[in-house]
Amino acid sequence: MTDDVAYPPFKLGKARYDQTTFSGRLRHYMDIIDPRMLFVTESRLKESRKLLDDFKHGSLPPGVSDKQLWEAQKIKQAIIHPDTQEKIFMPFRMSGYVPFGTPIVVGLLLPSQTLASTMFWQWLNQSHNACVNYANKNATKPTPVSKFFQGYLGAVTSAVSIAVGLNLLIQKANKFSPATRVLIQRFVPFPAVASANICNVVLMRHNELTEGISVLDSSGNVVGSSRVAAKHALMETAVTRVVLPMPILVLPPIIMSFLEKLPLLQSRRRLVLPVHSLVCLATFGLALPLAISLFPQMSEIEVSELEPEIAALTNDKTVIYNKGL
């Protein structure tokens, strides 16, 4: 396959793949979470930024291909915050979400957890999520740190409360055998994490429901602030955050319940944790791009669904809005 086919004409700040299709969004997000971007050197980053600046100012050196420009943009987007133009701390980049998040997932799914260990792993998971959200936040409008702290506290409280509450209920359920209790406890992290994710979205973005979010016309001009679009954006984000932990926290316990019965793992118990870690890594790496590809970053909504005062300001049949992380 030639570069001309694999790499379309370069467009600064635009996605390489079609964002109106699921497959296009999936390929786009596979690029964004590519862990190889964690190993990009400082000199390579500078070269990439210079190449994009040259393109922007029309001073590209001869012989630069679309492939080089798309690769340069991929590197910059993986490391540099689009609003502040500063480097994002490595553990909190989207390219580091799977490598740095997998050990936490392994911890969440460890069998026979104590009350203290359950609380610790739920706290660590929500702390990591909060840091990723803060590092990748929309910085075009100043958001008080108190808003993020409020969302963080709410997420930690709900995650720990549900995880601890469910564990206590399971332990008191006399009709379950000890082996069944251990198996059921492995699935406790999912409802805890999913509810915490929804709580985090609601607490951090509830003001959007009263103030609205910007909707743009086909030319990219702001039409107005719509509360209807804000409701759609929050629903899409909440669905994504429920779907994301589902395969990550549900599939590994199912897979491990079968693998642990194999003679190899029965005779060599030391291999259980490494195998468990590999299973978590595989499901995490697969689930993340699939979940965030469900909805486009810039979603469309029919103008007829908007508030009458907003609909009256444009002749377009649809407008777009940024659904957020």
C-alpha atoms as a PDB file:
ATOM      1  CA  MET A   1       0.000   0.000   0.000  1.00  0.00           C
ATOM      2  CA  THR A   2       1.440   3.389  -0.982  1.00  0.00           C
ATOM      3  CA  ASP A   3       1.724   6.354   1.362  1.00  0.00           C
ATOM      4  CA  ASP A   4      -0.796   8.245  -0.816  1.00  0.00           C
ATOM      5  CA  VAL A   5      -3.434   5.591  -0.078  1.00  0.00           C
ATOM      6  CA  ALA A   6      -2.564   5.045   3.590  1.00  0.00           C
ATOM      7  CA  TYR A   7      -2.158   8.741   4.351  1.00  0.00           C
ATOM      8  CA  PRO A   8      -4.712  11.219   2.973  1.00  0.00           C
ATOM      9  CA  PRO A   9      -3.778  14.866   2.285  1.00  0.00           C
ATOM     10  CA  PHE A  10      -2.712  16.391   5.591  1.00  0.00           C
ATOM     11  CA  LYS A  11      -5.084  18.733   7.440  1.00  0.00           C
ATOM     12  CA  LEU A  12      -3.697  20.560  10.453  1.00  0.00           C
ATOM     13  CA  GLY A  13      -5.690  19.883  13.622  1.00  0.00           C
ATOM     14  CA  LYS A  14      -8.031  17.429  11.888  1.00  0.00           C
ATOM     15  CA  ALA A  15      -8.388  13.669  12.358  1.00  0.00           C
ATOM     16  CA  ARG A  16      -6.710  11.369   9.833  1.00  0.00           C
ATOM     17  CA  TYR A  17      -9.683   8.973   9.821  1.00  0.00           C
ATOM     18  CA  ASP A  18     -13.383   9.552   9.121  1.00  0.00           C
ATOM     19  CA  GLN A  19     -15.008  10.430  12.469  1.00  0.00           C
ATOM     20  CA  THR A  20     -18.553   9.773  11.231  1.00  0.00           C
ATOM     21  CA  THR A  21     -17.962   5.992  11.252  1.00  0.00           C
ATOM     22  CA  PHE A  22     -17.222   3.677  14.182  1.00  0.00           C
ATOM     23  CA  SER A  23     -14.233   2.110  12.375  1.00  0.00           C
ATOM     24  CA  GLY A  24     -12.773   5.557  11.655  1.00  0.00           C
ATOM     25  CA  ARG A  25     -13.138   6.614  15.287  1.00  0.00           C
ATOM     26  CA  LEU A  26     -11.649   3.301  16.453  1.00  0.00           C
ATOM     27  CA  ARG A  27      -8.544   3.776  14.275  1.00  0.00           C
ATOM     28  CA  HIS A  28      -8.287   7.391  15.468  1.00  0.00           C
ATOM     29  CA  TYR A  29      -8.367   6.423  19.148  1.00  0.00           C
ATOM     30  CA  MET A  30      -5.962   3.530  18.586  1.00  0.00           C
ATOM     31  CA  ASP A  31      -3.518   6.233  17.504  1.00  0.00           C
ATOM     32  CA  ILE A  32      -4.280   8.374  20.560  1.00  0.00           C
ATOM     33  CA  ILE A  33      -3.687   5.578  23.102  1.00  0.00           C
ATOM     34  CA  ASP A  34      -0.638   4.156  21.272  1.00  0.00           C
ATOM     35  CA  PRO A  35       1.788   3.388  24.168  1.00  0.00           C
ATOM     36  CA  ARG A  36       4.786   3.813  21.841  1.00  0.00           C
ATOM     37  CA  MET A  37       4.213   7.557  22.166  1.00  0.00           C
ATOM     38  CA  LEU A  38       5.533   7.323  25.741  1.00  0.00           C
ATOM     39  CA  PHE A  39       9.010   6.664  24.332  1.00  0.00           C
ATOM     40  CA  VAL A  40       9.206   9.661  21.979  1.00  0.00           C
ATOM     41  CA  THR A  41      12.403  11.607  22.652  1.00  0.00           C
ATOM     42  CA  GLU A  42      12.539  15.341  23.338  1.00  0.00           C
ATOM     43  CA  SER A  43      14.383  15.928  20.053  1.00  0.00           C
ATOM     44  CA  ARG A  44      11.720  14.011  18.082  1.00  0.00           C
ATOM     45  CA  LEU A  45       8.998  16.078  19.749  1.00  0.00           C
ATOM     46  CA  LYS A  46      10.781  19.330  18.827  1.00  0.00           C
ATOM     47  CA  GLU A  47      11.172  18.157  15.224  1.00  0.00           C
ATOM     48  CA  SER A  48       7.474  17.298  15.047  1.00  0.00           C
ATOM     49  CA  ARG A  49       6.387  20.668  16.466  1.00  0.00           C
ATOM     50  CA  LYS A  50       8.680  22.522  14.047  1.00  0.00           C
ATOM     51  CA  LEU A  51       7.346  20.558  11.086  1.00  0.00           C
ATOM     52  CA  LEU A  52       3.753  21.456  12.026  1.00  0.00           C
ATOM     53  CA  ASP A  53       4.702  25.122  12.560  1.00  0.00           C
ATOM     54  CA  ASP A  54       6.369  25.184   9.131  1.00  0.00           C
ATOM     55  CA  PHE A  55       3.210  23.736   7.563  1.00  0.00           C
ATOM     56  CA  LYS A  56       1.047  26.309   9.352  1.00  0.00           C
ATOM     57  CA  HIS A  57       3.171  29.190   8.053  1.00  0.00           C
ATOM     58  CA  GLY A  58       3.582  27.763   4.570  1.00  0.00           C
ATOM     59  CA  SER A  59       7.334  27.275   4.881  1.00  0.00           C
ATOM     60  CA  LEU A  60       7.621  23.483   4.622  1.00  0.00           C
ATOM     61  CA  PRO A  61      10.957  22.245   3.277  1.00  0.00           C
ATOM     62  CA  PRO A  62      10.680  20.379  -0.060  1.00  0.00           C
ATOM     63  CA  GLY A  63      10.117  16.622   0.038  1.00  0.00           C
ATOM     64  CA  VAL A  64       8.031  16.465   3.232  1.00  0.00           C
ATOM     65  CA  SER A  65       5.298  13.828   2.778  1.00  0.00           C
ATOM     66  CA  ASP A  66       1.769  13.605   4.165  1.00  0.00           C
ATOM     67  CA  LYS A  67       2.947  10.586   6.156  1.00  0.00           C
ATOM     68  CA  GLN A  68       5.584  12.679   7.961  1.00  0.00           C
ATOM     69  CA  LEU A  69       3.035  15.397   8.733  1.00  0.00           C
ATOM     70  CA  TRP A  70       0.422  12.965  10.089  1.00  0.00           C
ATOM     71  CA  GLU A  71       3.074  11.244  12.233  1.00  0.00           C
ATOM     72  CA  ALA A  72       4.260  14.628  13.535  1.00  0.00           C
ATOM     73  CA  GLN A  73       0.705  15.585  14.490  1.00  0.00           C
ATOM     74  CA  LYS A  74       0.176  12.210  16.209  1.00  0.00           C
ATOM     75  CA  ILE A  75       3.289  12.779  18.333  1.00  0.00           C
ATOM     76  CA  LYS A  76       2.321  16.324  19.269  1.00  0.00           C
ATOM     77  CA  GLN A  77      -1.265  15.413  20.147  1.00  0.00           C
ATOM     78  CA  ALA A  78      -0.068  12.510  22.319  1.00  0.00           C
ATOM     79  CA  ILE A  79       2.243  14.683  24.429  1.00  0.00           C
ATOM     80  CA  ILE A  80       1.178  18.349  24.243  1.00  0.00           C
ATOM     81  CA  HIS A  81      -2.041  19.737  25.720  1.00  0.00           C
ATOM     82  CA  PRO A  82      -3.984  21.423  22.873  1.00  0.00           C
ATOM     83  CA  ASP A  83      -5.038  24.451  24.949  1.00  0.00           C
ATOM     84  CA  THR A  84      -2.023  25.170  27.173  1.00  0.00           C
ATOM     85  CA  GLN A  85       0.617  23.894  24.693  1.00  0.00           C
ATOM     86  CA  GLU A  86       2.458  22.362  27.651  1.00  0.00           C
ATOM     87  CA  LYS A  87       3.607  18.743  28.058  1.00  0.00           C
ATOM     88  CA  ILE A  88       1.185  16.435  29.863  1.00  0.00           C
ATOM     89  CA  PHE A  89       2.791  14.462  32.700  1.00  0.00           C
ATOM     90  CA  MET A  90       3.575  10.994  31.272  1.00  0.00           C
ATOM     91  CA  PRO A  91       1.391   8.782  33.587  1.00  0.00           C
ATOM     92  CA  PHE A  92      -1.642  10.969  32.820  1.00  0.00           C
ATOM     93  CA  ARG A  93      -1.390  11.008  29.012  1.00  0.00           C
ATOM     94  CA  MET A  94      -3.974   8.985  27.094  1.00  0.00           C
ATOM     95  CA  SER A  95      -1.080   6.956  25.629  1.00  0.00           C
ATOM     96  CA  GLY A  96      -0.163   5.975  29.193  1.00  0.00           C
ATOM     97  CA  TYR A  97      -3.682   5.120  30.341  1.00  0.00           C
ATOM     98  CA  VAL A  98      -3.385   1.376  29.659  1.00  0.00           C
ATOM     99  CA  PRO A  99       0.240   0.829  30.830  1.00  0.00           C
ATOM    100  CA  PHE A 100      -0.212   2.832  34.041  1.00  0.00           C
ATOM    101  CA  GLY A 101      -3.826   1.756  34.624  1.00  0.00           C
ATOM    102  CA  THR A 102      -3.353  -2.008  34.224  1.00  0.00           C
ATOM    103  CA  PRO A 103      -1.612  -2.554  37.624  1.00  0.00           C
ATOM    104  CA  ILE A 104      -4.600  -0.818  39.266  1.00  0.00           C
ATOM    105  CA  VAL A 105      -7.041  -3.080  37.401  1.00  0.00           C
ATOM    106  CA  VAL A 106      -5.054  -6.123  38.562  1.00  0.00           C
ATOM    107  CA  GLY A 107      -5.282  -4.820  42.145  1.00  0.00           C
ATOM    108  CA  LEU A 108      -9.031  -4.221  41.874  1.00  0.00           C
ATOM    109  CA  LEU A 109      -9.575  -7.797  40.720  1.00  0.00           C
ATOM    110  CA  LEU A 110      -7.367  -9.578  43.244  1.00  0.00           C
ATOM    111  CA  PRO A 111      -9.342 -12.398  44.930  1.00  0.00           C
ATOM    112  CA  SER A 112     -10.059 -12.632  48.685  1.00  0.00           C
ATOM    113  CA  GLN A 113      -9.631  -8.919  49.349  1.00  0.00           C
ATOM    114  CA  THR A 114      -9.800  -7.424  52.817  1.00  0.00           C
ATOM    115  CA  LEU A 115     -11.833  -4.333  53.665  1.00  0.00           C
ATOM    116  CA  ALA A 116      -8.650  -2.231  53.701  1.00  0.00           C
ATOM    117  CA  SER A 117      -7.371  -3.518  50.353  1.00  0.00           C
ATOM    118  CA  THR A 118     -10.788  -2.962  48.716  1.00  0.00           C
ATOM    119  CA  MET A 119     -10.809   0.654  49.912  1.00  0.00           C
ATOM    120  CA  PHE A 120      -7.193   1.188  48.853  1.00  0.00           C
ATOM    121  CA  TRP A 121      -7.601  -0.056  45.253  1.00  0.00           C
ATOM    122  CA  GLN A 122     -10.876   1.813  44.730  1.00  0.00           C
ATOM    123  CA  TRP A 123      -9.254   5.008  46.050  1.00  0.00           C
ATOM    124  CA  LEU A 124      -6.173   4.523  43.856  1.00  0.00           C
ATOM    125  CA  ASN A 125      -8.317   3.875  40.761  1.00  0.00           C
ATOM    126  CA  GLN A 126     -10.418   7.000  41.250  1.00  0.00           C
ATOM    127  CA  SER A 127      -7.285   9.057  42.030  1.00  0.00           C
ATOM    128  CA  HIS A 128      -5.708   7.912  38.762  1.00  0.00           C
ATOM    129  CA  ASN A 129      -8.904   8.707  36.831  1.00  0.00           C
ATOM    130  CA  ALA A 130      -9.119  12.150  38.429  1.00  0.00           C
ATOM    131  CA  CYS A 131      -5.527  12.950  37.481  1.00  0.00           C
ATOM    132  CA  VAL A 132      -6.083  11.816  33.876  1.00  0.00           C
ATOM    133  CA  ASN A 133      -9.269  13.910  33.647  1.00  0.00           C
ATOM    134  CA  TYR A 134      -7.552  16.978  35.106  1.00  0.00           C
ATOM    135  CA  ALA A 135      -4.452  16.662  32.914  1.00  0.00           C
ATOM    136  CA  ASN A 136      -6.598  16.358  29.752  1.00  0.00           C
ATOM    137  CA  LYS A 137      -9.289  18.871  30.706  1.00  0.00           C
ATOM    138  CA  ASN A 138     -10.661  21.555  28.388  1.00  0.00           C
ATOM    139  CA  ALA A 139      -8.533  24.572  29.369  1.00  0.00           C
ATOM    140  CA  THR A 140     -10.221  27.152  27.117  1.00  0.00           C
ATOM    141  CA  LYS A 141     -12.499  28.141  30.000  1.00  0.00           C
ATOM    142  CA  PRO A 142     -11.031  28.433  33.510  1.00  0.00           C
ATOM    143  CA  THR A 143     -12.500  25.765  35.768  1.00  0.00           C
ATOM    144  CA  PRO A 144     -11.937  26.068  39.527  1.00  0.00           C
ATOM    145  CA  VAL A 145      -9.886  23.277  41.089  1.00  0.00           C
ATOM    146  CA  SER A 146     -12.685  22.935  43.651  1.00  0.00           C
ATOM    147  CA  LYS A 147     -14.916  21.558  40.875  1.00  0.00           C
ATOM    148  CA  PHE A 148     -12.473  18.721  40.153  1.00  0.00           C
ATOM    149  CA  PHE A 149     -11.961  18.119  43.869  1.00  0.00           C
ATOM    150  CA  GLN A 150     -15.737  17.858  44.321  1.00  0.00           C
ATOM    151  CA  GLY A 151     -15.979  15.288  41.524  1.00  0.00           C
ATOM    152  CA  TYR A 152     -13.012  13.377  42.916  1.00  0.00           C
ATOM    153  CA  LEU A 153     -14.465  13.186  46.437  1.00  0.00           C
ATOM    154  CA  GLY A 154     -17.843  12.104  45.102  1.00  0.00           C
ATOM    155  CA  ALA A 155     -16.308   9.387  42.915  1.00  0.00           C
ATOM    156  CA  VAL A 156     -14.104   8.020  45.712  1.00  0.00           C
ATOM    157  CA  THR A 157     -16.975   8.046  48.213  1.00  0.00           C
ATOM    158  CA  SER A 158     -19.401   6.248  45.884  1.00  0.00           C
ATOM    159  CA  ALA A 159     -16.806   3.688  44.695  1.00  0.00           C
ATOM    160  CA  VAL A 160     -15.629   2.779  48.199  1.00  0.00           C
ATOM    161  CA  SER A 161     -19.161   2.741  49.667  1.00  0.00           C
ATOM    162  CA  ILE A 162     -20.576   0.440  46.982  1.00  0.00           C
ATOM    163  CA  ALA A 163     -17.543  -1.893  46.918  1.00  0.00           C
ATOM    164  CA  VAL A 164     -17.416  -2.237  50.707  1.00  0.00           C
ATOM    165  CA  GLY A 165     -21.224  -2.531  50.982  1.00  0.00           C
ATOM    166  CA  LEU A 166     -21.453  -5.286  48.362  1.00  0.00           C
ATOM    167  CA  ASN A 167     -18.537  -7.190  49.902  1.00  0.00           C
ATOM    168  CA  LEU A 168     -20.198  -7.121  53.323  1.00  0.00           C
ATOM    169  CA  LEU A 169     -23.509  -8.300  51.834  1.00  0.00           C
ATOM    170  CA  ILE A 170     -21.786 -11.196  50.061  1.00  0.00           C
ATOM    171  CA  GLN A 171     -19.929 -12.219  53.223  1.00  0.00           C
ATOM    172  CA  LYS A 172     -23.199 -12.285  55.186  1.00  0.00           C
ATOM    173  CA  ALA A 173     -25.046 -14.304  52.518  1.00  0.00           C
ATOM    174  CA  ASN A 174     -25.185 -17.753  54.128  1.00  0.00           C
ATOM    175  CA  LYS A 175     -26.630 -19.486  51.054  1.00  0.00           C
ATOM    176  CA  PHE A 176     -23.348 -19.054  49.140  1.00  0.00           C
ATOM    177  CA  SER A 177     -20.491 -21.524  49.527  1.00  0.00           C
ATOM    178  CA  PRO A 178     -17.019 -20.059  50.279  1.00  0.00           C
ATOM    179  CA  ALA A 179     -15.914 -20.736  46.676  1.00  0.00           C
ATOM    180  CA  THR A 180     -19.021 -19.023  45.259  1.00  0.00           C
ATOM    181  CA  ARG A 181     -18.478 -16.020  47.523  1.00  0.00           C
ATOM    182  CA  VAL A 182     -14.906 -15.582  46.235  1.00  0.00           C
ATOM    183  CA  LEU A 183     -16.143 -15.784  42.624  1.00  0.00           C
ATOM    184  CA  ILE A 184     -18.943 -13.246  43.159  1.00  0.00           C
ATOM    185  CA  GLN A 185     -16.598 -10.875  45.013  1.00  0.00           C
ATOM    186  CA  ARG A 186     -14.442 -10.709  41.900  1.00  0.00           C
ATOM    187  CA  PHE A 187     -17.292  -8.937  40.081  1.00  0.00           C
ATOM    188  CA  VAL A 188     -17.847  -6.309  42.815  1.00  0.00           C
ATOM    189  CA  PRO A 189     -15.381  -3.754  41.319  1.00  0.00           C
ATOM    190  CA  PHE A 190     -17.515  -3.220  38.186  1.00  0.00           C
ATOM    191  CA  PRO A 191     -20.695  -1.754  39.780  1.00  0.00           C
ATOM    192  CA  ALA A 192     -18.500   0.257  42.166  1.00  0.00           C
ATOM    193  CA  VAL A 193     -16.340   1.742  39.397  1.00  0.00           C
ATOM    194  CA  ALA A 194     -19.253   2.279  36.971  1.00  0.00           C
ATOM    195  CA  SER A 195     -21.336   4.165  39.562  1.00  0.00           C
ATOM    196  CA  ALA A 196     -18.299   6.213  40.605  1.00  0.00           C
ATOM    197  CA  ASN A 197     -17.674   7.173  36.965  1.00  0.00           C
ATOM    198  CA  ILE A 198     -21.258   8.408  36.577  1.00  0.00           C
ATOM    199  CA  CYS A 199     -21.020  10.267  39.890  1.00  0.00           C
ATOM    200  CA  ASN A 200     -17.798  11.916  38.715  1.00  0.00           C
ATOM    201  CA  VAL A 201     -19.399  13.098  35.445  1.00  0.00           C
ATOM    202  CA  VAL A 202     -22.505  14.470  37.169  1.00  0.00           C
ATOM    203  CA  LEU A 203     -20.617  16.307  39.927  1.00  0.00           C
ATOM    204  CA  MET A 204     -17.971  17.817  37.658  1.00  0.00           C
ATOM    205  CA  ARG A 205     -20.264  18.833  34.803  1.00  0.00           C
ATOM    206  CA  HIS A 206     -23.693  19.425  36.346  1.00  0.00           C
ATOM    207  CA  ASN A 207     -23.362  23.183  35.724  1.00  0.00           C
ATOM    208  CA  GLU A 208     -23.491  22.463  31.979  1.00  0.00           C
ATOM    209  CA  LEU A 209     -27.127  21.374  32.394  1.00  0.00           C
ATOM    210  CA  THR A 210     -28.071  24.888  33.572  1.00  0.00           C
ATOM    211  CA  GLU A 211     -25.593  26.973  31.551  1.00  0.00           C
ATOM    212  CA  GLY A 212     -25.507  24.824  28.405  1.00  0.00           C
ATOM    213  CA  ILE A 213     -22.582  24.038  26.104  1.00  0.00           C
ATOM    214  CA  SER A 214     -21.540  25.684  22.851  1.00  0.00           C
ATOM    215  CA  VAL A 215     -23.069  24.372  19.629  1.00  0.00           C
ATOM    216  CA  LEU A 216     -21.368  25.115  16.307  1.00  0.00           C
ATOM    217  CA  ASP A 217     -22.723  25.474  12.774  1.00  0.00           C
ATOM    218  CA  SER A 218     -21.239  23.836   9.664  1.00  0.00           C
ATOM    219  CA  SER A 219     -18.680  26.671   9.391  1.00  0.00           C
ATOM    220  CA  GLY A 220     -17.443  26.152  12.942  1.00  0.00           C
ATOM    221  CA  ASN A 221     -19.075  29.316  14.282  1.00  0.00           C
ATOM    222  CA  VAL A 222     -20.664  29.272  17.742  1.00  0.00           C
ATOM    223  CA  VAL A 223     -24.455  29.472  17.440  1.00  0.00           C
ATOM    224  CA  GLY A 224     -25.153  29.626  21.169  1.00  0.00           C
ATOM    225  CA  SER A 225     -25.149  27.669  24.438  1.00  0.00           C
ATOM    226  CA  SER A 226     -27.652  24.817  24.524  1.00  0.00           C
ATOM    227  CA  ARG A 227     -28.860  22.930  27.604  1.00  0.00           C
ATOM    228  CA  VAL A 228     -30.354  20.219  25.359  1.00  0.00           C
ATOM    229  CA  ALA A 229     -26.952  19.588  23.762  1.00  0.00           C
ATOM    230  CA  ALA A 230     -25.414  19.525  27.254  1.00  0.00           C
ATOM    231  CA  LYS A 231     -27.862  16.790  28.299  1.00  0.00           C
ATOM    232  CA  HIS A 232     -26.922  14.739  25.212  1.00  0.00           C
ATOM    233  CA  ALA A 233     -23.201  15.267  25.892  1.00  0.00           C
ATOM    234  CA  LEU A 234     -23.479  14.147  29.519  1.00  0.00           C
ATOM    235  CA  MET A 235     -25.544  11.080  28.580  1.00  0.00           C
ATOM    236  CA  GLU A 236     -22.996  10.020  25.928  1.00  0.00           C
ATOM    237  CA  THR A 237     -20.087  10.550  28.328  1.00  0.00           C
ATOM    238  CA  ALA A 238     -21.864   8.617  31.101  1.00  0.00           C
ATOM    239  CA  VAL A 239     -22.634   5.684  28.747  1.00  0.00           C
ATOM    240  CA  THR A 240     -18.985   5.604  27.635  1.00  0.00           C
ATOM    241  CA  ARG A 241     -17.769   5.547  31.230  1.00  0.00           C
ATOM    242  CA  VAL A 242     -20.101   2.675  32.121  1.00  0.00           C
ATOM    243  CA  VAL A 243     -19.187   0.641  29.028  1.00  0.00           C
ATOM    244  CA  LEU A 244     -15.431   1.190  29.475  1.00  0.00           C
ATOM    245  CA  PRO A 245     -14.956  -0.727  32.773  1.00  0.00           C
ATOM    246  CA  MET A 246     -17.423  -3.473  31.780  1.00  0.00           C
ATOM    247  CA  PRO A 247     -15.066  -5.718  29.757  1.00  0.00           C
ATOM    248  CA  ILE A 248     -12.056  -4.651  31.841  1.00  0.00           C
ATOM    249  CA  LEU A 249     -13.609  -5.678  35.167  1.00  0.00           C
ATOM    250  CA  VAL A 250     -15.998  -8.444  34.031  1.00  0.00           C
ATOM    251  CA  LEU A 251     -14.034 -10.471  31.455  1.00  0.00           C
ATOM    252  CA  PRO A 252     -10.850 -11.136  33.522  1.00  0.00           C
ATOM    253  CA  PRO A 253     -12.728 -12.842  36.420  1.00  0.00           C
ATOM    254  CA  ILE A 254     -14.581 -15.054  33.916  1.00  0.00           C
ATOM    255  CA  ILE A 255     -11.398 -15.920  32.009  1.00  0.00           C
ATOM    256  CA  MET A 256      -9.379 -16.501  35.187  1.00  0.00           C
ATOM    257  CA  SER A 257     -12.059 -18.780  36.673  1.00  0.00           C
ATOM    258  CA  PHE A 258     -11.381 -21.141  33.743  1.00  0.00           C
ATOM    259  CA  LEU A 259      -7.605 -20.680  33.553  1.00  0.00           C
ATOM    260  CA  GLU A 260      -7.119 -21.350  37.271  1.00  0.00           C
ATOM    261  CA  LYS A 261      -8.591 -24.832  36.786  1.00  0.00           C
ATOM    262  CA  LEU A 262      -5.863 -25.743  34.288  1.00  0.00           C
ATOM    263  CA  PRO A 263      -3.293 -28.271  35.595  1.00  0.00           C
ATOM    264  CA  LEU A 264      -0.447 -25.813  34.889  1.00  0.00           C
ATOM    265  CA  LEU A 265      -1.851 -23.099  37.162  1.00  0.00           C
ATOM    266  CA  GLN A 266      -3.054 -25.661  39.702  1.00  0.00           C
ATOM    267  CA  SER A 267       0.484 -26.984  40.132  1.00  0.00           C
ATOM    268  CA  ARG A 268       2.274 -23.631  39.742  1.00  0.00           C
ATOM    269  CA  ARG A 269       0.317 -21.066  41.741  1.00  0.00           C
ATOM    270  CA  ARG A 270       3.088 -18.488  41.273  1.00  0.00           C
ATOM    271  CA  LEU A 271       2.005 -18.129  37.649  1.00  0.00           C
ATOM    272  CA  VAL A 272      -1.544 -17.036  38.574  1.00  0.00           C
ATOM    273  CA  LEU A 273      -0.660 -13.350  39.166  1.00  0.00           C
ATOM    274  CA  PRO A 274       1.437 -12.937  35.963  1.00  0.00           C
ATOM    275  CA  VAL A 275      -1.284 -14.640  33.883  1.00  0.00           C
ATOM    276  CA  HIS A 276      -3.941 -12.519  35.596  1.00  0.00           C
ATOM    277  CA  SER A 277      -1.932  -9.377  34.769  1.00  0.00           C
ATOM    278  CA  LEU A 278      -1.631 -10.350  31.086  1.00  0.00           C
ATOM    279  CA  VAL A 279      -5.371 -11.024  30.860  1.00  0.00           C
ATOM    280  CA  CYS A 280      -6.110  -7.596  32.408  1.00  0.00           C
ATOM    281  CA  LEU A 281      -3.650  -5.883  30.054  1.00  0.00           C
ATOM    282  CA  ALA A 282      -5.230  -7.524  26.987  1.00  0.00           C
ATOM    283  CA  THR A 283      -8.827  -6.688  27.956  1.00  0.00           C
ATOM    284  CA  PHE A 284      -7.888  -3.115  28.982  1.00  0.00           C
ATOM    285  CA  GLY A 285      -6.035  -2.463  25.712  1.00  0.00           C
ATOM    286  CA  LEU A 286      -8.989  -3.817  23.731  1.00  0.00           C
ATOM    287  CA  ALA A 287     -11.807  -2.209  25.719  1.00  0.00           C
ATOM    288  CA  LEU A 288     -10.465   1.357  25.937  1.00  0.00           C
ATOM    289  CA  PRO A 289     -10.512   2.238  22.206  1.00  0.00           C
ATOM    290  CA  LEU A 290     -13.799   0.352  21.678  1.00  0.00           C
ATOM    291  CA  ALA A 291     -15.556   2.255  24.477  1.00  0.00           C
ATOM    292  CA  ILE A 292     -14.339   5.745  23.571  1.00  0.00           C
ATOM    293  CA  SER A 293     -15.188   5.103  19.901  1.00  0.00           C
ATOM    294  CA  LEU A 294     -18.913   4.653  20.638  1.00  0.00           C
ATOM    295  CA  PHE A 295     -19.601   8.358  20.079  1.00  0.00           C
ATOM    296  CA  PRO A 296     -17.668  10.937  18.044  1.00  0.00           C
ATOM    297  CA  GLN A 297     -15.822  13.596  20.042  1.00  0.00           C
ATOM    298  CA  MET A 298     -17.745  16.208  18.038  1.00  0.00           C
ATOM    299  CA  SER A 299     -21.352  14.941  17.981  1.00  0.00           C
ATOM    300  CA  GLU A 300     -24.249  16.135  15.820  1.00  0.00           C
ATOM    301  CA  ILE A 301     -27.736  17.094  16.970  1.00  0.00           C
ATOM    302  CA  GLU A 302     -30.789  18.137  14.959  1.00  0.00           C
ATOM    303  CA  VAL A 303     -31.534  21.860  15.239  1.00  0.00           C
ATOM    304  CA  SER A 304     -35.225  20.981  15.677  1.00  0.00           C
ATOM    305  CA  GLU A 305     -34.333  19.308  19.012  1.00  0.00           C
ATOM    306  CA  LEU A 306     -32.691  22.449  20.418  1.00  0.00           C
ATOM    307  CA  GLU A 307     -34.281  25.284  22.372  1.00  0.00           C
ATOM    308  CA  PRO A 308     -36.365  27.528  20.053  1.00  0.00           C
ATOM    309  CA  GLU A 309     -34.179  30.568  20.776  1.00  0.00           C
ATOM    310  CA  ILE A 310     -31.052  28.631  19.701  1.00  0.00           C
ATOM    311  CA  ALA A 311     -32.707  27.060  16.638  1.00  0.00           C
ATOM    312  CA  ALA A 312     -33.749  30.519  15.416  1.00  0.00           C
ATOM    313  CA  LEU A 313     -30.096  31.632  15.193  1.00  0.00           C
ATOM    314  CA  THR A 314     -29.045  29.246  12.386  1.00  0.00           C
ATOM    315  CA  ASN A 315     -30.310  28.009   9.030  1.00  0.00           C
ATOM    316  CA  ASP A 316     -28.436  24.691   9.340  1.00  0.00           C
ATOM    317  CA  LYS A 317     -30.426  21.496   9.921  1.00  0.00           C
ATOM    318  CA  THR A 318     -27.817  20.121  12.333  1.00  0.00           C
ATOM    319  CA  VAL A 319     -25.212  21.601  14.668  1.00  0.00           C
ATOM    320  CA  ILE A 320     -22.236  20.001  16.425  1.00  0.00           C
ATOM    321  CA  TYR A 321     -21.006  20.011  20.016  1.00  0.00           C
ATOM    322  CA  ASN A 322     -17.977  18.696  21.919  1.00  0.00           C
ATOM    323  CA  LYS A 323     -19.160  15.873  24.197  1.00  0.00           C
ATOM    324  CA  GLY A 324     -16.005  16.060  26.358  1.00  0.00           C
ATOM    325  CA  LEU A 325     -13.932  13.266  27.922  1.00  0.00           C
END
